[in-house]
Amino acid sequence: MFVKLFSFFIITHIFIFIVVIEVDNTIVSFDVFHKRFLCDLLKCKGECCVSGDSGAPLTEEEAVVIEKIYPLIEPELCNTNKREVEIQGYSIVDSDGDLVTPIVGDGECVYTYLDQDGSTKCAIEKLWLENKIDFRKPISCHLFPIRITEYKEFDAINYQELDICSCAVKLGKEKNVAVWQLLKEPLVRKYGEAWYEELSEAARYIEENNIK
């Protein structure tokens, strides 16, 4: 099941106390249970697809899929983004050595388009919503604002807090939607129904015992 773990770090003689939950082969930060988050696209306009110094992390399998379906994606893209794909390729390795989507300019993912309301959206997901492909989007995008770091023996699951998502944090607090609740679908996609049920049990335990 799940086990509470306690870790100490010493930074310039200051002790930092961190509590996490273990679910099967994953270590889940308490922020995933405690933080509230609900995307407010009308306010942020898809800023998470635009800001950043690198593209969306990809698995090797996802990179292959994107290359295969690119003929369907291409008509959804503007000319600038099409040219960047021609120049950079369907996926690239960034300065950290990670496989990611190419970006345009200061950080816009090449696989985005501008919707009629002025929001930046994912062209891949648009095709999925239209039932034209069976790949929704990279799992790293689907899981945002969760970020997963894969180690040899476990995955570390953390909540990434960004200034560009302040409106989502505000709305999440208003609607009382926790990160783990918001991201049920991508977490099940990543780890399965049984894993998510254990995560839910951990969340109930934390809430019932008022563990901070």
Protein backbone atom coordinates (compact mmCIF):
# COMPACT_ATOMS: atom_id res chain seq x y z
CA MET A 1 0.00 0.00 0.00
CA PHE A 2 1.35 3.41 0.94
CA VAL A 3 3.99 4.38 3.49
CA LYS A 4 4.90 7.77 4.95
CA LEU A 5 8.53 8.64 4.39
CA PHE A 6 10.50 11.34 6.16
CA SER A 7 13.54 12.99 4.62
CA PHE A 8 15.97 15.58 6.00
CA PHE A 9 18.27 17.88 4.06
CA ILE A 10 20.83 20.29 5.49
CA ILE A 11 21.27 23.52 3.56
CA THR A 12 23.50 26.15 5.20
CA HIS A 13 22.70 24.66 8.62
CA ILE A 14 18.93 24.86 8.06
CA PHE A 15 16.92 21.66 8.42
CA ILE A 16 14.15 21.13 5.87
CA PHE A 17 11.50 18.53 6.75
CA ILE A 18 9.79 16.87 3.82
CA VAL A 19 6.94 14.36 4.00
CA VAL A 20 5.98 12.20 1.04
CA ILE A 21 3.75 9.21 0.40
CA GLU A 22 4.86 5.98 -1.25
CA VAL A 23 2.34 4.37 -3.61
CA ASP A 24 3.69 1.17 -5.15
CA ASN A 25 6.85 2.22 -7.02
CA THR A 26 6.14 5.97 -6.83
CA ILE A 27 6.99 8.65 -4.28
CA VAL A 28 4.27 11.32 -4.20
CA SER A 29 4.86 14.80 -2.78
CA PHE A 30 2.32 16.04 -0.23
CA ASP A 31 1.78 19.06 -2.49
CA VAL A 32 -0.07 16.75 -4.88
CA PHE A 33 -2.63 16.16 -2.11
CA HIS A 34 -2.71 19.61 -0.52
CA LYS A 35 -2.42 22.05 -3.42
CA ARG A 36 -5.55 23.22 -5.22
CA PHE A 37 -5.53 23.71 -8.99
CA LEU A 38 -8.09 24.12 -11.76
CA CYS A 39 -7.12 25.43 -15.18
CA ASP A 40 -8.75 28.75 -16.07
CA LEU A 41 -8.09 28.85 -19.81
CA LEU A 42 -10.17 31.97 -20.39
CA LYS A 43 -7.71 33.89 -18.20
CA CYS A 44 -4.36 32.23 -18.85
CA LYS A 45 -4.96 31.70 -22.60
CA GLY A 46 -2.82 28.56 -22.61
CA GLU A 47 0.32 30.21 -21.30
CA CYS A 48 1.80 26.85 -20.26
CA CYS A 49 2.14 25.95 -23.96
CA VAL A 50 3.96 29.21 -24.68
CA SER A 51 6.30 29.98 -21.76
CA GLY A 52 9.47 28.06 -21.05
CA ASP A 53 13.00 27.54 -22.25
CA SER A 54 12.38 24.02 -23.51
CA GLY A 55 9.62 21.99 -25.12
CA ALA A 56 7.36 19.37 -23.58
CA PRO A 57 9.20 16.23 -22.40
CA LEU A 58 8.60 13.21 -24.64
CA THR A 59 9.11 9.50 -24.35
CA GLU A 60 10.81 7.81 -27.28
CA GLU A 61 7.51 6.11 -28.11
CA GLU A 62 5.69 9.46 -28.15
CA ALA A 63 8.28 10.96 -30.48
CA VAL A 64 7.69 8.09 -32.92
CA VAL A 65 3.93 8.57 -32.73
CA ILE A 66 4.16 12.33 -33.35
CA GLU A 67 6.35 11.79 -36.41
CA LYS A 68 3.88 9.23 -37.73
CA ILE A 69 0.81 11.47 -37.31
CA TYR A 70 2.51 14.72 -38.33
CA PRO A 71 0.81 14.78 -41.78
CA LEU A 72 -2.47 15.19 -39.87
CA ILE A 73 -1.02 17.78 -37.47
CA GLU A 74 0.62 19.96 -40.12
CA PRO A 75 -2.60 21.53 -41.54
CA GLU A 76 -3.45 22.78 -38.03
CA LEU A 77 -0.20 24.74 -37.68
CA CYS A 78 0.72 28.22 -38.82
CA ASN A 79 3.51 28.67 -41.37
CA THR A 80 6.04 29.72 -38.73
CA ASN A 81 5.52 26.54 -36.74
CA LYS A 82 5.64 24.39 -39.88
CA ARG A 83 9.01 25.91 -40.81
CA GLU A 84 10.39 25.18 -37.35
CA VAL A 85 9.41 21.54 -37.67
CA GLU A 86 11.13 21.42 -41.05
CA ILE A 87 14.26 22.97 -39.54
CA GLN A 88 14.38 21.24 -36.14
CA GLY A 89 12.56 17.98 -36.76
CA TYR A 90 9.58 16.39 -35.04
CA SER A 91 11.41 16.17 -31.70
CA ILE A 92 14.75 17.40 -30.37
CA VAL A 93 17.17 16.82 -27.50
CA ASP A 94 17.41 19.94 -25.34
CA SER A 95 20.38 21.37 -23.45
CA ASP A 96 19.68 19.06 -20.50
CA GLY A 97 19.81 16.01 -22.72
CA ASP A 98 16.05 15.42 -22.60
CA LEU A 99 13.87 14.47 -25.55
CA VAL A 100 11.31 17.26 -26.04
CA THR A 101 9.04 18.93 -28.58
CA PRO A 102 10.68 21.71 -30.62
CA ILE A 103 9.83 25.28 -29.64
CA VAL A 104 9.34 28.54 -31.51
CA GLY A 105 10.96 31.76 -30.32
CA ASP A 106 10.89 32.18 -26.54
CA GLY A 107 9.20 28.89 -25.76
CA GLU A 108 6.03 28.21 -27.74
CA CYS A 109 5.60 24.53 -28.58
CA VAL A 110 5.54 24.00 -32.35
CA TYR A 111 2.47 21.80 -32.04
CA THR A 112 0.19 24.63 -30.95
CA TYR A 113 -2.39 26.76 -32.72
CA LEU A 114 -4.28 29.94 -31.85
CA ASP A 115 -7.97 29.41 -31.17
CA GLN A 116 -10.68 31.93 -32.07
CA ASP A 117 -10.81 33.22 -28.48
CA GLY A 118 -7.09 33.99 -28.55
CA SER A 119 -6.05 30.95 -26.52
CA THR A 120 -3.03 28.86 -27.45
CA LYS A 121 -4.05 25.22 -27.69
CA CYS A 122 -2.56 21.87 -28.62
CA ALA A 123 -3.07 20.84 -32.25
CA ILE A 124 -2.50 17.20 -31.32
CA GLU A 125 -5.27 17.28 -28.73
CA LYS A 126 -7.55 19.05 -31.21
CA LEU A 127 -7.23 16.10 -33.58
CA TRP A 128 -7.88 13.68 -30.70
CA LEU A 129 -11.03 15.56 -29.68
CA GLU A 130 -12.19 15.32 -33.29
CA ASN A 131 -11.61 11.53 -33.19
CA LYS A 132 -9.02 11.75 -35.96
CA ILE A 133 -6.20 10.16 -33.93
CA ASP A 134 -6.05 7.94 -30.82
CA PHE A 135 -3.07 9.75 -29.21
CA ARG A 136 -4.28 12.61 -27.02
CA LYS A 137 -1.01 14.45 -26.34
CA PRO A 138 2.33 13.81 -24.59
CA ILE A 139 1.78 12.46 -21.08
CA SER A 140 3.96 15.26 -19.67
CA CYS A 141 1.45 17.81 -21.00
CA HIS A 142 -1.55 15.79 -19.86
CA LEU A 143 -0.10 15.59 -16.33
CA PHE A 144 0.74 19.29 -15.96
CA PRO A 145 1.19 20.78 -13.31
CA ILE A 146 2.55 17.46 -12.08
CA ARG A 147 6.11 16.68 -13.09
CA ILE A 148 7.50 13.15 -12.89
CA THR A 149 11.18 12.31 -12.50
CA GLU A 150 11.96 8.70 -13.24
CA TYR A 151 14.69 7.00 -11.20
CA LYS A 152 15.93 3.42 -11.39
CA GLU A 153 13.78 2.14 -8.52
CA PHE A 154 10.91 4.64 -8.33
CA ASP A 155 9.19 7.64 -9.91
CA ALA A 156 9.10 10.95 -8.02
CA ILE A 157 5.78 12.74 -8.51
CA ASN A 158 5.86 16.45 -7.72
CA TYR A 159 3.64 19.49 -8.16
CA GLN A 160 5.26 22.29 -10.16
CA GLU A 161 4.15 25.73 -9.00
CA LEU A 162 4.47 28.46 -11.64
CA ASP A 163 3.53 32.14 -11.60
CA ILE A 164 1.77 31.78 -14.96
CA CYS A 165 -0.75 29.46 -13.27
CA SER A 166 -1.77 31.80 -10.44
CA CYS A 167 -5.31 32.02 -11.86
CA ALA A 168 -5.55 28.20 -11.84
CA VAL A 169 -4.45 28.11 -8.21
CA LYS A 170 -7.05 30.72 -7.33
CA LEU A 171 -9.84 28.86 -9.13
CA GLY A 172 -8.74 25.55 -7.62
CA LYS A 173 -9.04 27.03 -4.14
CA GLU A 174 -12.46 28.50 -4.94
CA LYS A 175 -13.74 25.15 -6.26
CA ASN A 176 -11.70 23.07 -3.76
CA VAL A 177 -10.14 20.85 -6.43
CA ALA A 178 -6.90 19.17 -5.37
CA VAL A 179 -4.15 18.43 -7.90
CA TRP A 180 -4.57 14.66 -7.51
CA GLN A 181 -8.31 14.98 -8.20
CA LEU A 182 -7.91 17.25 -11.22
CA LEU A 183 -5.41 14.91 -12.84
CA LYS A 184 -7.22 11.60 -12.35
CA GLU A 185 -7.41 10.85 -16.08
CA PRO A 186 -3.70 11.34 -16.91
CA LEU A 187 -2.60 9.63 -13.67
CA VAL A 188 -4.71 6.60 -14.56
CA ARG A 189 -3.29 6.77 -18.08
CA LYS A 190 0.22 6.71 -16.62
CA TYR A 191 -0.10 4.26 -13.72
CA GLY A 192 -3.48 2.51 -14.00
CA GLU A 193 -6.77 2.36 -12.08
CA ALA A 194 -5.46 0.24 -9.18
CA TRP A 195 -2.62 2.69 -8.54
CA TYR A 196 -5.01 5.64 -8.58
CA GLU A 197 -7.32 3.91 -6.09
CA GLU A 198 -4.37 3.55 -3.71
CA LEU A 199 -3.59 7.23 -4.25
CA SER A 200 -7.22 8.05 -3.39
CA GLU A 201 -6.98 5.99 -0.20
CA ALA A 202 -3.81 7.86 0.72
CA ALA A 203 -5.60 11.17 0.13
CA ARG A 204 -8.49 10.10 2.37
CA TYR A 205 -6.06 9.03 5.10
CA ILE A 206 -4.25 12.37 4.93
CA GLU A 207 -7.51 14.31 5.10
CA GLU A 208 -9.07 12.24 7.91
CA ASN A 209 -5.94 12.54 10.04
CA ASN A 210 -5.34 16.20 9.13
CA ILE A 211 -1.76 15.50 8.07
CA LYS A 212 -0.01 18.61 6.80
